[in-house]
Amino acid sequence: MSELLDAVDALLARPDTLPSPEVRARLRKADGLTQEEVAEVFGVTRVAFHRWETGVAKPRRRHLEAYVRLLNGWAAKHPEAAQVSEPAHQAG
């Protein structure tokens, strides 16, 4: 049973949960970086990075873990940018 629980814990620890595209962009901008600058670090085109940031595409595994780590680092530095905006209530 311990092996099974360890395997489940490993799945839970996988860093493949990305914040919303809105939060991703806000975090990058809060750190004063352009899409081009971040794309260069990851070795991808600006267009590819734009697709990650907008949620059109998901980074491949080797980039995903690093991107999640970067987003978590930005969230720690800029907690206000990591906040999810609540949708505006419509007048009824």
N, C-alpha and C. Protein backbone atom coordinates (compact mmCIF):
# COMPACT_ATOMS: atom_id res chain seq x y z
N MET A 1 0.83 -1.20 0.00
CA MET A 1 0.00 0.00 0.00
C MET A 1 0.87 1.25 0.00
N SER A 2 2.00 1.20 0.70
CA SER A 2 2.90 2.34 0.78
C SER A 2 3.41 2.74 -0.61
N GLU A 3 3.72 1.75 -1.44
CA GLU A 3 4.20 2.03 -2.79
C GLU A 3 3.13 2.74 -3.60
N LEU A 4 1.89 2.31 -3.44
CA LEU A 4 0.79 2.94 -4.15
C LEU A 4 0.61 4.39 -3.71
N LEU A 5 0.66 4.62 -2.42
CA LEU A 5 0.53 5.99 -1.91
C LEU A 5 1.69 6.87 -2.37
N ASP A 6 2.89 6.31 -2.40
CA ASP A 6 4.04 7.05 -2.91
C ASP A 6 3.85 7.42 -4.38
N ALA A 7 3.30 6.49 -5.15
CA ALA A 7 3.06 6.75 -6.57
C ALA A 7 2.00 7.83 -6.74
N VAL A 8 0.97 7.80 -5.91
CA VAL A 8 -0.07 8.84 -5.96
C VAL A 8 0.52 10.19 -5.58
N ASP A 9 1.34 10.21 -4.54
CA ASP A 9 1.99 11.46 -4.12
C ASP A 9 2.87 12.02 -5.23
N ALA A 10 3.56 11.15 -5.95
CA ALA A 10 4.40 11.60 -7.05
C ALA A 10 3.55 12.23 -8.15
N LEU A 11 2.38 11.64 -8.42
CA LEU A 11 1.48 12.24 -9.41
C LEU A 11 1.00 13.61 -8.96
N LEU A 12 0.66 13.72 -7.69
CA LEU A 12 0.18 15.00 -7.16
C LEU A 12 1.25 16.08 -7.19
N ALA A 13 2.51 15.67 -7.06
CA ALA A 13 3.61 16.63 -7.01
C ALA A 13 4.05 17.09 -8.40
N ARG A 14 3.53 16.46 -9.44
CA ARG A 14 3.93 16.86 -10.80
C ARG A 14 3.50 18.29 -11.07
N PRO A 15 4.44 19.10 -11.49
CA PRO A 15 4.13 20.53 -11.70
C PRO A 15 3.53 20.82 -13.06
N ASP A 16 2.32 20.30 -13.31
CA ASP A 16 1.77 20.55 -14.62
C ASP A 16 0.48 21.37 -14.56
N THR A 17 0.22 21.98 -13.43
CA THR A 17 -0.94 22.83 -13.31
C THR A 17 -0.52 24.27 -13.54
N LEU A 18 -1.04 24.85 -14.58
CA LEU A 18 -0.69 26.22 -14.93
C LEU A 18 -1.80 27.16 -14.46
N PRO A 19 -1.44 28.34 -14.00
CA PRO A 19 -2.48 29.33 -13.69
C PRO A 19 -3.18 29.76 -14.97
N SER A 20 -4.24 30.52 -14.83
CA SER A 20 -4.98 30.98 -16.00
C SER A 20 -4.07 31.83 -16.89
N PRO A 21 -4.39 31.89 -18.18
CA PRO A 21 -3.59 32.73 -19.08
C PRO A 21 -3.49 34.18 -18.60
N GLU A 22 -4.55 34.71 -18.05
CA GLU A 22 -4.55 36.09 -17.54
C GLU A 22 -3.48 36.26 -16.46
N VAL A 23 -3.41 35.29 -15.57
CA VAL A 23 -2.43 35.36 -14.47
C VAL A 23 -1.01 35.17 -15.01
N ARG A 24 -0.83 34.27 -15.96
CA ARG A 24 0.50 34.04 -16.55
C ARG A 24 1.06 35.34 -17.11
N ALA A 25 0.25 36.04 -17.89
CA ALA A 25 0.71 37.29 -18.50
C ALA A 25 0.97 38.35 -17.44
N ARG A 26 0.09 38.44 -16.45
CA ARG A 26 0.27 39.45 -15.39
C ARG A 26 1.56 39.21 -14.62
N LEU A 27 1.87 37.94 -14.35
CA LEU A 27 3.11 37.62 -13.62
C LEU A 27 4.34 38.03 -14.42
N ARG A 28 4.33 37.71 -15.72
CA ARG A 28 5.48 38.07 -16.55
C ARG A 28 5.65 39.59 -16.60
N LYS A 29 4.55 40.29 -16.80
CA LYS A 29 4.61 41.75 -16.89
C LYS A 29 5.02 42.37 -15.56
N ALA A 30 4.58 41.77 -14.44
CA ALA A 30 4.96 42.28 -13.12
C ALA A 30 6.47 42.21 -12.93
N ASP A 31 7.11 41.25 -13.59
CA ASP A 31 8.57 41.12 -13.48
C ASP A 31 9.28 41.94 -14.55
N GLY A 32 8.51 42.65 -15.38
CA GLY A 32 9.10 43.55 -16.37
C GLY A 32 9.73 42.86 -17.55
N LEU A 33 9.25 41.68 -17.90
CA LEU A 33 9.84 40.93 -19.01
C LEU A 33 8.89 40.88 -20.20
N THR A 34 9.48 40.81 -21.39
CA THR A 34 8.69 40.65 -22.60
C THR A 34 8.56 39.17 -22.93
N GLN A 35 7.62 38.85 -23.79
CA GLN A 35 7.49 37.47 -24.25
C GLN A 35 8.77 37.03 -24.95
N GLU A 36 9.36 37.93 -25.71
CA GLU A 36 10.59 37.62 -26.44
C GLU A 36 11.72 37.22 -25.48
N GLU A 37 11.86 37.95 -24.38
CA GLU A 37 12.92 37.66 -23.41
C GLU A 37 12.73 36.29 -22.78
N VAL A 38 11.50 35.97 -22.41
CA VAL A 38 11.25 34.68 -21.78
C VAL A 38 11.41 33.55 -22.81
N ALA A 39 10.91 33.77 -24.01
CA ALA A 39 11.03 32.76 -25.06
C ALA A 39 12.50 32.42 -25.32
N GLU A 40 13.34 33.44 -25.32
CA GLU A 40 14.78 33.22 -25.56
C GLU A 40 15.38 32.30 -24.50
N VAL A 41 15.00 32.50 -23.25
CA VAL A 41 15.53 31.65 -22.17
C VAL A 41 15.11 30.20 -22.38
N PHE A 42 13.87 30.00 -22.84
CA PHE A 42 13.36 28.64 -23.04
C PHE A 42 13.82 28.04 -24.37
N GLY A 43 14.41 28.86 -25.23
CA GLY A 43 14.87 28.36 -26.51
C GLY A 43 13.74 28.08 -27.49
N VAL A 44 12.66 28.88 -27.36
CA VAL A 44 11.53 28.74 -28.27
C VAL A 44 11.27 30.10 -28.93
N THR A 45 10.42 30.11 -29.93
CA THR A 45 10.07 31.38 -30.57
C THR A 45 9.12 32.18 -29.69
N ARG A 46 9.04 33.46 -29.97
CA ARG A 46 8.10 34.29 -29.22
C ARG A 46 6.67 33.82 -29.47
N VAL A 47 6.39 33.38 -30.69
CA VAL A 47 5.06 32.89 -31.02
C VAL A 47 4.72 31.64 -30.20
N ALA A 48 5.68 30.73 -30.06
CA ALA A 48 5.45 29.53 -29.25
C ALA A 48 5.18 29.92 -27.80
N PHE A 49 5.98 30.84 -27.27
CA PHE A 49 5.76 31.25 -25.89
C PHE A 49 4.40 31.94 -25.75
N HIS A 50 4.05 32.78 -26.72
CA HIS A 50 2.74 33.44 -26.70
C HIS A 50 1.62 32.41 -26.61
N ARG A 51 1.75 31.32 -27.34
CA ARG A 51 0.74 30.26 -27.31
C ARG A 51 0.67 29.60 -25.94
N TRP A 52 1.81 29.44 -25.25
CA TRP A 52 1.79 28.91 -23.87
C TRP A 52 1.06 29.88 -22.96
N GLU A 53 1.45 31.15 -23.09
CA GLU A 53 0.94 32.15 -22.16
C GLU A 53 -0.57 32.36 -22.34
N THR A 54 -1.06 32.26 -23.54
CA THR A 54 -2.48 32.47 -23.79
C THR A 54 -3.31 31.19 -23.65
N GLY A 55 -2.64 30.07 -23.41
CA GLY A 55 -3.36 28.82 -23.21
C GLY A 55 -3.76 28.11 -24.49
N VAL A 56 -3.28 28.59 -25.63
CA VAL A 56 -3.58 27.96 -26.91
C VAL A 56 -2.83 26.63 -27.01
N ALA A 57 -1.63 26.59 -26.46
CA ALA A 57 -0.81 25.38 -26.47
C ALA A 57 -0.22 25.18 -25.08
N LYS A 58 0.14 23.94 -24.80
CA LYS A 58 0.78 23.62 -23.52
C LYS A 58 2.23 23.24 -23.81
N PRO A 59 3.15 23.75 -23.00
CA PRO A 59 4.56 23.38 -23.23
C PRO A 59 4.76 21.88 -23.13
N ARG A 60 5.73 21.38 -23.86
CA ARG A 60 6.11 19.97 -23.72
C ARG A 60 6.70 19.74 -22.35
N ARG A 61 6.75 18.51 -21.94
CA ARG A 61 7.15 18.14 -20.58
C ARG A 61 8.45 18.83 -20.14
N ARG A 62 9.47 18.84 -21.00
CA ARG A 62 10.76 19.42 -20.58
C ARG A 62 10.65 20.92 -20.31
N HIS A 63 9.77 21.60 -21.03
CA HIS A 63 9.57 23.02 -20.79
C HIS A 63 8.51 23.27 -19.72
N LEU A 64 7.55 22.37 -19.60
CA LEU A 64 6.44 22.58 -18.68
C LEU A 64 6.92 22.72 -17.24
N GLU A 65 7.77 21.82 -16.81
CA GLU A 65 8.26 21.88 -15.42
C GLU A 65 9.00 23.19 -15.15
N ALA A 66 9.81 23.61 -16.10
CA ALA A 66 10.56 24.86 -15.94
C ALA A 66 9.63 26.07 -15.97
N TYR A 67 8.61 26.03 -16.82
CA TYR A 67 7.67 27.15 -16.92
C TYR A 67 6.85 27.27 -15.63
N VAL A 68 6.39 26.14 -15.10
CA VAL A 68 5.66 26.16 -13.83
C VAL A 68 6.56 26.70 -12.72
N ARG A 69 7.81 26.29 -12.72
CA ARG A 69 8.75 26.79 -11.71
C ARG A 69 8.92 28.30 -11.82
N LEU A 70 9.04 28.79 -13.06
CA LEU A 70 9.18 30.22 -13.28
C LEU A 70 7.93 30.96 -12.80
N LEU A 71 6.76 30.46 -13.16
CA LEU A 71 5.51 31.09 -12.73
C LEU A 71 5.38 31.11 -11.20
N ASN A 72 5.76 30.01 -10.56
CA ASN A 72 5.71 29.97 -9.09
C ASN A 72 6.69 30.96 -8.47
N GLY A 73 7.85 31.12 -9.08
CA GLY A 73 8.82 32.10 -8.61
C GLY A 73 8.30 33.51 -8.74
N TRP A 74 7.69 33.80 -9.90
CA TRP A 74 7.10 35.12 -10.08
C TRP A 74 5.97 35.35 -9.09
N ALA A 75 5.16 34.33 -8.85
CA ALA A 75 4.03 34.46 -7.91
C ALA A 75 4.53 34.77 -6.51
N ALA A 76 5.66 34.18 -6.14
CA ALA A 76 6.24 34.45 -4.82
C ALA A 76 6.76 35.89 -4.75
N LYS A 77 7.33 36.38 -5.85
CA LYS A 77 7.86 37.75 -5.90
C LYS A 77 6.76 38.79 -6.02
N HIS A 78 5.69 38.43 -6.71
CA HIS A 78 4.62 39.38 -7.03
C HIS A 78 3.26 38.78 -6.67
N PRO A 79 2.99 38.57 -5.38
CA PRO A 79 1.73 37.90 -5.00
C PRO A 79 0.48 38.62 -5.49
N GLU A 80 0.56 39.94 -5.62
CA GLU A 80 -0.61 40.68 -6.10
C GLU A 80 -0.94 40.32 -7.55
N ALA A 81 0.07 40.03 -8.34
CA ALA A 81 -0.15 39.67 -9.74
C ALA A 81 -0.68 38.24 -9.88
N ALA A 82 -0.47 37.43 -8.85
CA ALA A 82 -0.89 36.03 -8.89
C ALA A 82 -2.36 35.86 -8.52
N GLN A 83 -2.98 36.92 -8.02
CA GLN A 83 -4.38 36.83 -7.61
C GLN A 83 -5.28 36.66 -8.82
N VAL A 84 -6.23 35.77 -8.68
CA VAL A 84 -7.20 35.54 -9.74
C VAL A 84 -8.30 36.58 -9.59
N SER A 85 -8.59 37.28 -10.67
CA SER A 85 -9.66 38.28 -10.65
C SER A 85 -11.00 37.58 -10.57
N GLU A 86 -11.87 38.14 -9.74
CA GLU A 86 -13.22 37.59 -9.67
C GLU A 86 -14.04 38.19 -10.81
N PRO A 87 -14.86 37.37 -11.46
CA PRO A 87 -15.66 37.89 -12.55
C PRO A 87 -16.63 38.96 -12.04
N ALA A 88 -16.86 39.96 -12.87
CA ALA A 88 -17.80 41.02 -12.49
C ALA A 88 -19.21 40.45 -12.47
N HIS A 89 -19.96 40.86 -11.48
CA HIS A 89 -21.35 40.39 -11.40
C HIS A 89 -22.22 41.21 -12.35
N GLN A 90 -23.05 40.51 -13.05
CA GLN A 90 -23.92 41.18 -14.00
C GLN A 90 -25.14 41.72 -13.26
N ALA A 91 -25.57 42.88 -13.65
CA ALA A 91 -26.77 43.47 -13.04
C ALA A 91 -27.98 42.68 -13.50
N GLY A 92 -28.84 42.36 -12.58
CA GLY A 92 -29.99 41.53 -12.93
C GLY A 92 -31.18 42.28 -12.92
